[in-house]
C-alpha atoms as a PDB file:
ATOM      1  CA  MET A   1     327.915  72.809 151.874  1.00  0.00           C
ATOM      2  CA  SER A   2     328.459  69.908 149.465  1.00  0.00           C
ATOM      3  CA  HIS A   3     327.127  70.008 145.929  1.00  0.00           C
ATOM      4  CA  PRO A   4     324.828  67.224 144.697  1.00  0.00           C
ATOM      5  CA  SER A   5     326.473  64.478 142.697  1.00  0.00           C
ATOM      6  CA  ILE A   6     325.497  63.741 139.139  1.00  0.00           C
ATOM      7  CA  ASP A   7     323.522  60.709 140.316  1.00  0.00           C
ATOM      8  CA  GLU A   8     321.672  62.788 142.898  1.00  0.00           C
ATOM      9  CA  LYS A   9     320.769  65.261 140.164  1.00  0.00           C
ATOM     10  CA  LEU A  10     319.372  62.429 138.057  1.00  0.00           C
ATOM     11  CA  VAL A  11     317.288  61.215 140.981  1.00  0.00           C
ATOM     12  CA  ARG A  12     315.937  64.750 141.434  1.00  0.00           C
ATOM     13  CA  MET A  13     315.143  65.028 137.726  1.00  0.00           C
ATOM     14  CA  ARG A  14     313.182  61.777 137.859  1.00  0.00           C
ATOM     15  CA  GLU A  15     311.241  63.057 140.881  1.00  0.00           C
ATOM     16  CA  ILE A  16     310.297  66.194 138.945  1.00  0.00           C
ATOM     17  CA  LEU A  17     309.101  64.142 135.982  1.00  0.00           C
ATOM     18  CA  ARG A  18     307.105  61.767 138.202  1.00  0.00           C
ATOM     19  CA  SER A  19     305.333  64.758 139.721  1.00  0.00           C
ATOM     20  CA  LEU A  20     304.225  65.801 136.225  1.00  0.00           C
ATOM     21  CA  GLU A  21     302.901  62.300 135.363  1.00  0.00           C
ATOM     22  CA  ARG A  22     302.278  62.846 131.613  1.00  0.00           C
ATOM     23  CA  VAL A  23     304.387  65.219 129.514  1.00  0.00           C
ATOM     24  CA  ALA A  24     305.162  66.550 126.061  1.00  0.00           C
ATOM     25  CA  VAL A  25     308.886  66.948 125.439  1.00  0.00           C
ATOM     26  CA  ALA A  26     309.883  69.868 123.190  1.00  0.00           C
ATOM     27  CA  PHE A  27     312.203  67.759 121.077  1.00  0.00           C
ATOM     28  CA  SER A  28     314.859  69.044 118.672  1.00  0.00           C
ATOM     29  CA  ALA A  29     317.219  66.017 118.591  1.00  0.00           C
ATOM     30  CA  GLY A  30     319.877  68.054 120.366  1.00  0.00           C
ATOM     31  CA  VAL A  31     321.939  66.736 123.275  1.00  0.00           C
ATOM     32  CA  ASP A  32     319.676  68.159 125.966  1.00  0.00           C
ATOM     33  CA  SER A  33     316.215  67.427 124.584  1.00  0.00           C
ATOM     34  CA  THR A  34     317.225  63.891 123.565  1.00  0.00           C
ATOM     35  CA  PHE A  35     318.388  63.250 127.126  1.00  0.00           C
ATOM     36  CA  VAL A  36     315.143  64.634 128.559  1.00  0.00           C
ATOM     37  CA  LEU A  37     313.098  62.458 126.229  1.00  0.00           C
ATOM     38  CA  LYS A  38     315.041  59.334 127.203  1.00  0.00           C
ATOM     39  CA  VAL A  39     314.777  59.978 130.944  1.00  0.00           C
ATOM     40  CA  ALA A  40     311.082  60.850 130.627  1.00  0.00           C
ATOM     41  CA  ILE A  41     310.359  57.589 128.788  1.00  0.00           C
ATOM     42  CA  ASP A  42     312.369  55.542 131.277  1.00  0.00           C
ATOM     43  CA  THR A  43     310.689  57.250 134.233  1.00  0.00           C
ATOM     44  CA  LEU A  44     307.081  57.615 133.089  1.00  0.00           C
ATOM     45  CA  GLY A  45     306.762  54.965 130.399  1.00  0.00           C
ATOM     46  CA  PRO A  46     306.345  55.671 126.666  1.00  0.00           C
ATOM     47  CA  GLU A  47     302.562  55.815 127.004  1.00  0.00           C
ATOM     48  CA  ASN A  48     302.903  58.967 129.132  1.00  0.00           C
ATOM     49  CA  VAL A  49     305.386  60.831 126.944  1.00  0.00           C
ATOM     50  CA  VAL A  50     305.008  62.542 123.570  1.00  0.00           C
ATOM     51  CA  ALA A  51     307.972  63.990 121.680  1.00  0.00           C
ATOM     52  CA  VAL A  52     306.914  67.159 119.873  1.00  0.00           C
ATOM     53  CA  THR A  53     309.052  68.849 117.227  1.00  0.00           C
ATOM     54  CA  GLY A  54     308.232  72.317 115.946  1.00  0.00           C
ATOM     55  CA  ASP A  55     308.928  72.337 112.227  1.00  0.00           C
ATOM     56  CA  SER A  56     309.631  75.420 110.131  1.00  0.00           C
ATOM     57  CA  ASP A  57     312.161  76.742 107.644  1.00  0.00           C
ATOM     58  CA  SER A  58     314.557  77.473 110.522  1.00  0.00           C
ATOM     59  CA  LEU A  59     315.027  73.747 111.225  1.00  0.00           C
ATOM     60  CA  ALA A  60     317.656  72.030 109.072  1.00  0.00           C
ATOM     61  CA  ARG A  61     316.238  69.006 107.244  1.00  0.00           C
ATOM     62  CA  ALA A  62     319.016  66.783 108.588  1.00  0.00           C
ATOM     63  CA  GLU A  63     318.016  67.717 112.147  1.00  0.00           C
ATOM     64  CA  PHE A  64     314.338  67.096 111.409  1.00  0.00           C
ATOM     65  CA  GLU A  65     315.154  63.647 110.040  1.00  0.00           C
ATOM     66  CA  GLU A  66     317.344  62.881 113.049  1.00  0.00           C
ATOM     67  CA  ALA A  67     314.528  63.891 115.411  1.00  0.00           C
ATOM     68  CA  SER A  68     312.188  61.454 113.675  1.00  0.00           C
ATOM     69  CA  ARG A  69     314.772  58.675 113.786  1.00  0.00           C
ATOM     70  CA  LEU A  70     315.748  59.176 117.433  1.00  0.00           C
ATOM     71  CA  ALA A  71     312.144  59.341 118.639  1.00  0.00           C
ATOM     72  CA  ARG A  72     311.370  56.132 116.753  1.00  0.00           C
ATOM     73  CA  GLU A  73     314.439  54.358 118.160  1.00  0.00           C
ATOM     74  CA  MET A  74     313.482  55.367 121.706  1.00  0.00           C
ATOM     75  CA  GLY A  75     309.942  54.130 121.226  1.00  0.00           C
ATOM     76  CA  ALA A  76     308.379  57.567 121.641  1.00  0.00           C
ATOM     77  CA  GLU A  77     305.325  58.868 119.885  1.00  0.00           C
ATOM     78  CA  HIS A  78     306.577  61.708 117.697  1.00  0.00           C
ATOM     79  CA  VAL A  79     304.284  64.580 116.762  1.00  0.00           C
ATOM     80  CA  VAL A  80     305.336  67.324 114.350  1.00  0.00           C
ATOM     81  CA  ILE A  81     303.730  70.736 114.697  1.00  0.00           C
ATOM     82  CA  ARG A  82     304.224  73.226 111.877  1.00  0.00           C
ATOM     83  CA  THR A  83     304.965  76.568 113.517  1.00  0.00           C
ATOM     84  CA  GLY A  84     304.226  79.989 112.045  1.00  0.00           C
ATOM     85  CA  GLU A  85     307.023  82.270 113.223  1.00  0.00           C
ATOM     86  CA  PHE A  86     307.666  83.272 109.602  1.00  0.00           C
ATOM     87  CA  GLU A  87     304.291  85.007 109.670  1.00  0.00           C
ATOM     88  CA  ASN A  88     305.433  87.216 112.567  1.00  0.00           C
ATOM     89  CA  PRO A  89     307.178  90.451 111.504  1.00  0.00           C
ATOM     90  CA  ASP A  90     308.850  90.685 114.922  1.00  0.00           C
ATOM     91  CA  TYR A  91     310.602  87.378 114.262  1.00  0.00           C
ATOM     92  CA  LEU A  92     311.468  88.190 110.649  1.00  0.00           C
ATOM     93  CA  ALA A  93     313.073  91.486 111.685  1.00  0.00           C
ATOM     94  CA  ASN A  94     315.653  89.403 113.585  1.00  0.00           C
ATOM     95  CA  PRO A  95     316.085  91.459 116.758  1.00  0.00           C
ATOM     96  CA  ALA A  96     318.420  90.322 119.536  1.00  0.00           C
ATOM     97  CA  ASN A  97     315.464  88.585 121.238  1.00  0.00           C
ATOM     98  CA  ARG A  98     314.379  86.760 118.059  1.00  0.00           C
ATOM     99  CA  CYS A  99     314.409  83.438 119.927  1.00  0.00           C
ATOM    100  CA  TYR A 100     311.668  84.748 122.235  1.00  0.00           C
ATOM    101  CA  TYR A 101     309.241  85.049 119.335  1.00  0.00           C
ATOM    102  CA  CYS A 102     310.132  81.629 117.951  1.00  0.00           C
ATOM    103  CA  LYS A 103     309.694  79.839 121.285  1.00  0.00           C
ATOM    104  CA  THR A 104     306.526  81.778 122.056  1.00  0.00           C
ATOM    105  CA  GLU A 105     305.045  80.511 118.781  1.00  0.00           C
ATOM    106  CA  LEU A 106     305.939  76.906 119.633  1.00  0.00           C
ATOM    107  CA  TYR A 107     304.694  77.029 123.210  1.00  0.00           C
ATOM    108  CA  LYS A 108     301.427  78.736 122.219  1.00  0.00           C
ATOM    109  CA  ARG A 109     300.721  75.919 119.788  1.00  0.00           C
ATOM    110  CA  LEU A 110     301.585  73.314 122.407  1.00  0.00           C
ATOM    111  CA  GLU A 111     299.060  74.608 124.952  1.00  0.00           C
ATOM    112  CA  PRO A 112     295.934  73.335 123.145  1.00  0.00           C
ATOM    113  CA  PHE A 113     297.800  70.182 122.105  1.00  0.00           C
ATOM    114  CA  ILE A 114     298.608  69.087 125.659  1.00  0.00           C
ATOM    115  CA  ALA A 115     295.104  70.004 126.829  1.00  0.00           C
ATOM    116  CA  GLU A 116     293.584  67.843 124.092  1.00  0.00           C
ATOM    117  CA  ARG A 117     295.902  64.923 124.854  1.00  0.00           C
ATOM    118  CA  GLY A 118     295.502  65.107 128.620  1.00  0.00           C
ATOM    119  CA  LEU A 119     299.171  65.869 129.233  1.00  0.00           C
ATOM    120  CA  ARG A 120     300.159  67.719 132.388  1.00  0.00           C
ATOM    121  CA  ALA A 121     303.046  69.844 131.123  1.00  0.00           C
ATOM    122  CA  VAL A 122     305.515  70.696 128.400  1.00  0.00           C
ATOM    123  CA  VAL A 123     309.150  70.069 129.351  1.00  0.00           C
ATOM    124  CA  ASN A 124     312.235  71.350 127.555  1.00  0.00           C
ATOM    125  CA  GLY A 125     315.976  70.684 127.595  1.00  0.00           C
ATOM    126  CA  ILE A 126     317.225  73.877 129.240  1.00  0.00           C
ATOM    127  CA  ASN A 127     320.120  73.098 131.583  1.00  0.00           C
ATOM    128  CA  ALA A 128     321.439  75.012 134.586  1.00  0.00           C
ATOM    129  CA  GLU A 129     324.219  76.722 132.619  1.00  0.00           C
ATOM    130  CA  ASP A 130     321.789  78.175 130.077  1.00  0.00           C
ATOM    131  CA  TYR A 131     320.676  80.763 132.618  1.00  0.00           C
ATOM    132  CA  ASN A 132     324.134  82.345 132.363  1.00  0.00           C
ATOM    133  CA  ASP A 133     323.845  82.864 128.607  1.00  0.00           C
ATOM    134  CA  TRP A 134     321.705  85.066 126.364  1.00  0.00           C
ATOM    135  CA  ARG A 135     318.603  82.874 126.028  1.00  0.00           C
ATOM    136  CA  PRO A 136     315.461  84.921 125.291  1.00  0.00           C
ATOM    137  CA  GLY A 137     313.537  81.692 124.800  1.00  0.00           C
ATOM    138  CA  ILE A 138     313.708  81.105 128.550  1.00  0.00           C
ATOM    139  CA  GLN A 139     311.341  84.029 129.090  1.00  0.00           C
ATOM    140  CA  ALA A 140     308.888  82.507 126.619  1.00  0.00           C
ATOM    141  CA  ALA A 141     309.070  79.218 128.517  1.00  0.00           C
ATOM    142  CA  ARG A 142     308.289  80.960 131.798  1.00  0.00           C
ATOM    143  CA  GLU A 143     305.316  82.790 130.305  1.00  0.00           C
ATOM    144  CA  HIS A 144     303.836  79.478 129.131  1.00  0.00           C
ATOM    145  CA  ASN A 145     304.638  77.422 132.249  1.00  0.00           C
ATOM    146  CA  VAL A 146     307.099  75.162 130.446  1.00  0.00           C
ATOM    147  CA  ARG A 147     309.181  73.105 132.860  1.00  0.00           C
ATOM    148  CA  ALA A 148     312.931  72.518 132.619  1.00  0.00           C
ATOM    149  CA  PRO A 149     313.666  69.324 134.592  1.00  0.00           C
ATOM    150  CA  CYS A 150     317.413  69.365 133.847  1.00  0.00           C
ATOM    151  CA  ALA A 151     317.848  72.947 135.049  1.00  0.00           C
ATOM    152  CA  GLU A 152     315.573  72.405 138.032  1.00  0.00           C
ATOM    153  CA  ALA A 153     317.712  69.428 139.054  1.00  0.00           C
ATOM    154  CA  GLY A 154     320.904  71.502 138.701  1.00  0.00           C
ATOM    155  CA  MET A 155     322.295  69.615 135.715  1.00  0.00           C
ATOM    156  CA  THR A 156     325.042  71.171 133.626  1.00  0.00           C
ATOM    157  CA  LYS A 157     325.749  70.463 129.973  1.00  0.00           C
ATOM    158  CA  GLN A 158     328.639  68.221 130.984  1.00  0.00           C
ATOM    159  CA  ASP A 159     326.363  66.283 133.353  1.00  0.00           C
ATOM    160  CA  ILE A 160     323.953  65.694 130.495  1.00  0.00           C
ATOM    161  CA  ARG A 161     326.699  64.504 128.150  1.00  0.00           C
ATOM    162  CA  ILE A 162     328.076  62.096 130.768  1.00  0.00           C
ATOM    163  CA  LEU A 163     324.651  60.675 131.573  1.00  0.00           C
ATOM    164  CA  SER A 164     323.708  60.494 127.882  1.00  0.00           C
ATOM    165  CA  ASN A 165     326.796  58.367 127.271  1.00  0.00           C
ATOM    166  CA  ARG A 166     325.888  56.170 130.227  1.00  0.00           C
ATOM    167  CA  LEU A 167     322.380  55.724 128.791  1.00  0.00           C
ATOM    168  CA  GLY A 168     323.754  54.800 125.378  1.00  0.00           C
ATOM    169  CA  LEU A 169     322.427  57.866 123.576  1.00  0.00           C
ATOM    170  CA  PRO A 170     324.222  58.621 120.286  1.00  0.00           C
ATOM    171  CA  THR A 171     323.907  62.354 120.966  1.00  0.00           C
ATOM    172  CA  PHE A 172     326.255  62.327 123.989  1.00  0.00           C
ATOM    173  CA  ASP A 173     329.040  63.988 121.982  1.00  0.00           C
ATOM    174  CA  LYS A 174     326.912  65.727 119.357  1.00  0.00           C
ATOM    175  CA  PRO A 175     327.929  69.321 118.633  1.00  0.00           C
ATOM    176  CA  ALA A 176     325.377  71.995 119.477  1.00  0.00           C
ATOM    177  CA  MET A 177     322.982  72.594 116.563  1.00  0.00           C
ATOM    178  CA  PRO A 178     320.875  75.700 117.186  1.00  0.00           C
ATOM    179  CA  CYS A 179     318.344  76.756 114.580  1.00  0.00           C
ATOM    180  CA  LEU A 180     319.531  78.096 111.241  1.00  0.00           C
ATOM    181  CA  ALA A 181     318.221  81.594 112.016  1.00  0.00           C
ATOM    182  CA  SER A 182     320.887  81.932 114.720  1.00  0.00           C
ATOM    183  CA  ARG A 183     323.496  82.264 111.949  1.00  0.00           C
ATOM    184  CA  VAL A 184     322.019  85.490 110.530  1.00  0.00           C
ATOM    185  CA  GLN A 185     323.416  88.715 111.966  1.00  0.00           C
ATOM    186  CA  TYR A 186     320.942  90.572 114.167  1.00  0.00           C
ATOM    187  CA  GLY A 187     318.955  93.216 112.333  1.00  0.00           C
ATOM    188  CA  GLU A 188     319.129  91.465 108.963  1.00  0.00           C
ATOM    189  CA  GLU A 189     315.777  90.078 107.859  1.00  0.00           C
ATOM    190  CA  ILE A 190     315.239  86.337 108.184  1.00  0.00           C
ATOM    191  CA  THR A 191     314.095  84.669 104.961  1.00  0.00           C
ATOM    192  CA  PRO A 192     313.716  80.996 103.995  1.00  0.00           C
ATOM    193  CA  GLU A 193     316.126  81.584 101.104  1.00  0.00           C
ATOM    194  CA  LYS A 194     318.914  82.752 103.420  1.00  0.00           C
ATOM    195  CA  LEU A 195     318.385  79.778 105.701  1.00  0.00           C
ATOM    196  CA  ARG A 196     318.610  77.311 102.809  1.00  0.00           C
ATOM    197  CA  GLN A 197     321.835  79.044 101.745  1.00  0.00           C
ATOM    198  CA  ILE A 198     323.261  78.560 105.246  1.00  0.00           C
ATOM    199  CA  GLU A 199     322.024  74.961 105.439  1.00  0.00           C
ATOM    200  CA  ARG A 200     323.644  74.011 102.119  1.00  0.00           C
ATOM    201  CA  SER A 201     326.906  75.700 103.117  1.00  0.00           C
ATOM    202  CA  GLU A 202     327.154  73.914 106.464  1.00  0.00           C
ATOM    203  CA  ALA A 203     326.221  70.591 104.876  1.00  0.00           C
ATOM    204  CA  PHE A 204     329.101  71.059 102.454  1.00  0.00           C
ATOM    205  CA  LEU A 205     331.530  71.743 105.306  1.00  0.00           C
ATOM    206  CA  ARG A 206     330.381  68.609 107.105  1.00  0.00           C
ATOM    207  CA  SER A 207     330.940  66.650 103.891  1.00  0.00           C
ATOM    208  CA  LEU A 208     334.604  67.674 104.240  1.00  0.00           C
ATOM    209  CA  ASP A 209     334.614  66.116 107.745  1.00  0.00           C
ATOM    210  CA  PHE A 210     334.361  69.415 109.614  1.00  0.00           C
ATOM    211  CA  ARG A 211     332.026  68.009 112.256  1.00  0.00           C
ATOM    212  CA  GLU A 212     331.562  71.262 114.168  1.00  0.00           C
ATOM    213  CA  CYS A 213     331.036  74.318 111.993  1.00  0.00           C
ATOM    214  CA  ARG A 214     329.010  77.479 111.539  1.00  0.00           C
ATOM    215  CA  VAL A 215     328.402  79.628 108.499  1.00  0.00           C
ATOM    216  CA  ARG A 216     327.560  83.069 109.859  1.00  0.00           C
ATOM    217  CA  HIS A 217     325.490  85.050 107.374  1.00  0.00           C
ATOM    218  CA  HIS A 218     326.402  88.712 106.942  1.00  0.00           C
ATOM    219  CA  GLY A 219     324.533  89.746 103.802  1.00  0.00           C
ATOM    220  CA  ASN A 220     326.606  88.619 100.827  1.00  0.00           C
ATOM    221  CA  LEU A 221     329.495  87.545 103.100  1.00  0.00           C
ATOM    222  CA  ALA A 222     329.827  84.111 104.694  1.00  0.00           C
ATOM    223  CA  ARG A 223     331.960  83.981 107.851  1.00  0.00           C
ATOM    224  CA  VAL A 224     332.984  80.373 108.417  1.00  0.00           C
ATOM    225  CA  GLU A 225     333.736  79.297 111.969  1.00  0.00           C
ATOM    226  CA  LEU A 226     335.631  76.068 112.623  1.00  0.00           C
ATOM    227  CA  PRO A 227     337.376  74.776 115.754  1.00  0.00           C
ATOM    228  CA  ALA A 228     340.925  76.111 116.067  1.00  0.00           C
ATOM    229  CA  ALA A 229     342.301  72.597 115.578  1.00  0.00           C
ATOM    230  CA  ASP A 230     340.696  72.486 112.115  1.00  0.00           C
ATOM    231  CA  LEU A 231     341.956  75.833 110.834  1.00  0.00           C
ATOM    232  CA  ASP A 232     345.212  74.553 109.345  1.00  0.00           C
ATOM    233  CA  ARG A 233     343.359  71.981 107.278  1.00  0.00           C
ATOM    234  CA  ALA A 234     340.693  74.479 106.221  1.00  0.00           C
ATOM    235  CA  LEU A 235     343.356  76.974 105.126  1.00  0.00           C
ATOM    236  CA  SER A 236     345.307  74.499 103.029  1.00  0.00           C
ATOM    237  CA  PRO A 237     345.218  75.641  99.389  1.00  0.00           C
ATOM    238  CA  GLU A 238     343.023  72.800  98.105  1.00  0.00           C
ATOM    239  CA  THR A 239     340.452  72.887 100.944  1.00  0.00           C
ATOM    240  CA  ARG A 240     340.321  76.671 101.024  1.00  0.00           C
ATOM    241  CA  ALA A 241     339.622  76.784  97.278  1.00  0.00           C
ATOM    242  CA  SER A 242     336.959  74.089  97.618  1.00  0.00           C
ATOM    243  CA  ILE A 243     335.127  75.961 100.406  1.00  0.00           C
ATOM    244  CA  ASP A 244     335.332  79.248  98.530  1.00  0.00           C
ATOM    245  CA  ALA A 245     333.986  77.762  95.296  1.00  0.00           C
ATOM    246  CA  ALA A 246     331.109  75.917  96.959  1.00  0.00           C
ATOM    247  CA  LEU A 247     329.872  78.797  99.107  1.00  0.00           C
ATOM    248  CA  ARG A 248     330.067  81.223  96.190  1.00  0.00           C
ATOM    249  CA  GLU A 249     328.039  78.713  94.177  1.00  0.00           C
ATOM    250  CA  PHE A 250     325.465  78.789  96.978  1.00  0.00           C
ATOM    251  CA  GLY A 251     325.132  82.569  96.582  1.00  0.00           C
ATOM    252  CA  TYR A 252     327.807  84.272  98.672  1.00  0.00           C
ATOM    253  CA  THR A 253     330.006  86.915  97.056  1.00  0.00           C
ATOM    254  CA  TYR A 254     332.663  86.824  99.777  1.00  0.00           C
ATOM    255  CA  VAL A 255     333.788  83.847 101.874  1.00  0.00           C
ATOM    256  CA  THR A 256     335.941  84.324 104.974  1.00  0.00           C
ATOM    257  CA  ILE A 257     337.291  81.962 107.626  1.00  0.00           C
ATOM    258  CA  ASP A 258     337.182  83.445 111.134  1.00  0.00           C
ATOM    259  CA  LEU A 259     340.692  83.239 112.585  1.00  0.00           C
ATOM    260  CA  ARG A 260     339.339  83.204 116.142  1.00  0.00           C
ATOM    261  CA  GLY A 261     337.790  79.822 115.416  1.00  0.00           C
ATOM    262  CA  PHE A 262     334.427  78.363 116.355  1.00  0.00           C
ATOM    263  CA  ARG A 263     332.597  80.127 119.183  1.00  0.00           C
ATOM    264  CA  SER A 264     329.116  79.023 120.160  1.00  0.00           C
ATOM    265  CA  GLY A 265     326.847  82.059 120.137  1.00  0.00           C
ATOM    266  CA  SER A 266     329.399  84.366 118.524  1.00  0.00           C
ATOM    267  CA  MET A 267     326.606  86.464 117.015  1.00  0.00           C
ATOM    268  CA  ASN A 268     325.837  87.542 120.587  1.00  0.00           C
ATOM    269  CA  GLU A 269     329.204  89.268 120.910  1.00  0.00           C
ATOM    270  CA  VAL A 270     327.643  92.454 119.546  1.00  0.00           C
ATOM    271  CA  ILE A 271     324.960  92.536 122.263  1.00  0.00           C
ATOM    272  CA  ALA A 272     325.219  94.565 125.459  1.00  0.00           C
ATOM    273  CA  PHE A 273     323.599  91.863 127.528  1.00  0.00           C
ATOM    274  CA  GLY A 274     322.568  93.794 130.600  1.00  0.00           C
ATOM    275  CA  LYS A 275     320.798  91.176 132.705  1.00  0.00           C
ATOM    276  CA  ARG A 276     321.385  87.496 132.062  1.00  0.00           C
ATOM    277  CA  GLN A 277     318.529  85.050 132.175  1.00  0.00           C
ATOM    278  CA  MET A 278     318.209  83.845 135.729  1.00  0.00           C
ATOM    279  CA  PRO A 279     316.081  81.045 137.120  1.00  0.00           C
ATOM    280  CA  SER A 280     312.839  82.189 138.687  1.00  0.00           C
END
């Protein structure tokens, strides 16, 4: 049996969106949600699409500003909803399913919003490959009837990047940028102060032209992850000293560079996954 082509997947995605008629896009300015917003606007018209960004201390200010800019450039109405996950002790405790509590908070707040605005559904940027990863937020989406048009159409991350490039989206090659809380080791309490420390540290690394980076927070230790191709430059005496000095200024006692290099979701390596998220 032949697999659908990337163009057939796009056709299917548009059919799904047309069936929903009027939607709110959970919009983070990442590769996936930017693509969904663009396709939704092109398919349904800007009058039938609202981009909604959940704002809290876990969202880096640079990402918030990019979400505002991208929505404006695409001609989308952009609504910002302040979420309250920092009032939830289950979220602050930072268990392995922390993302479930964060997404539940966002989707709960979106339910009265879409009802008031006469929108038919909330759609997110989950793609088909996300079901093979540890994504507790998918369960929250199911519980609140959030649709995933990319995943439902069978689109992979690579499909989305290719189509984003074709559509002229500047995010087509953007590195993944999950929320700042994903950098804190499971079981260590989430606080706004820790997230600002992480945000400042990663901003400093990007100022050194390390485009893809993570600062993993382990108490008073910062574990810096960079792509393997960048390790030689990072470990040069001058750059190494610069990184060490800056991150210690931001509050870390110890600064390490992970010799295994950048790994998306490396904090999940300590989890015994059991069941993966699977599409319903």
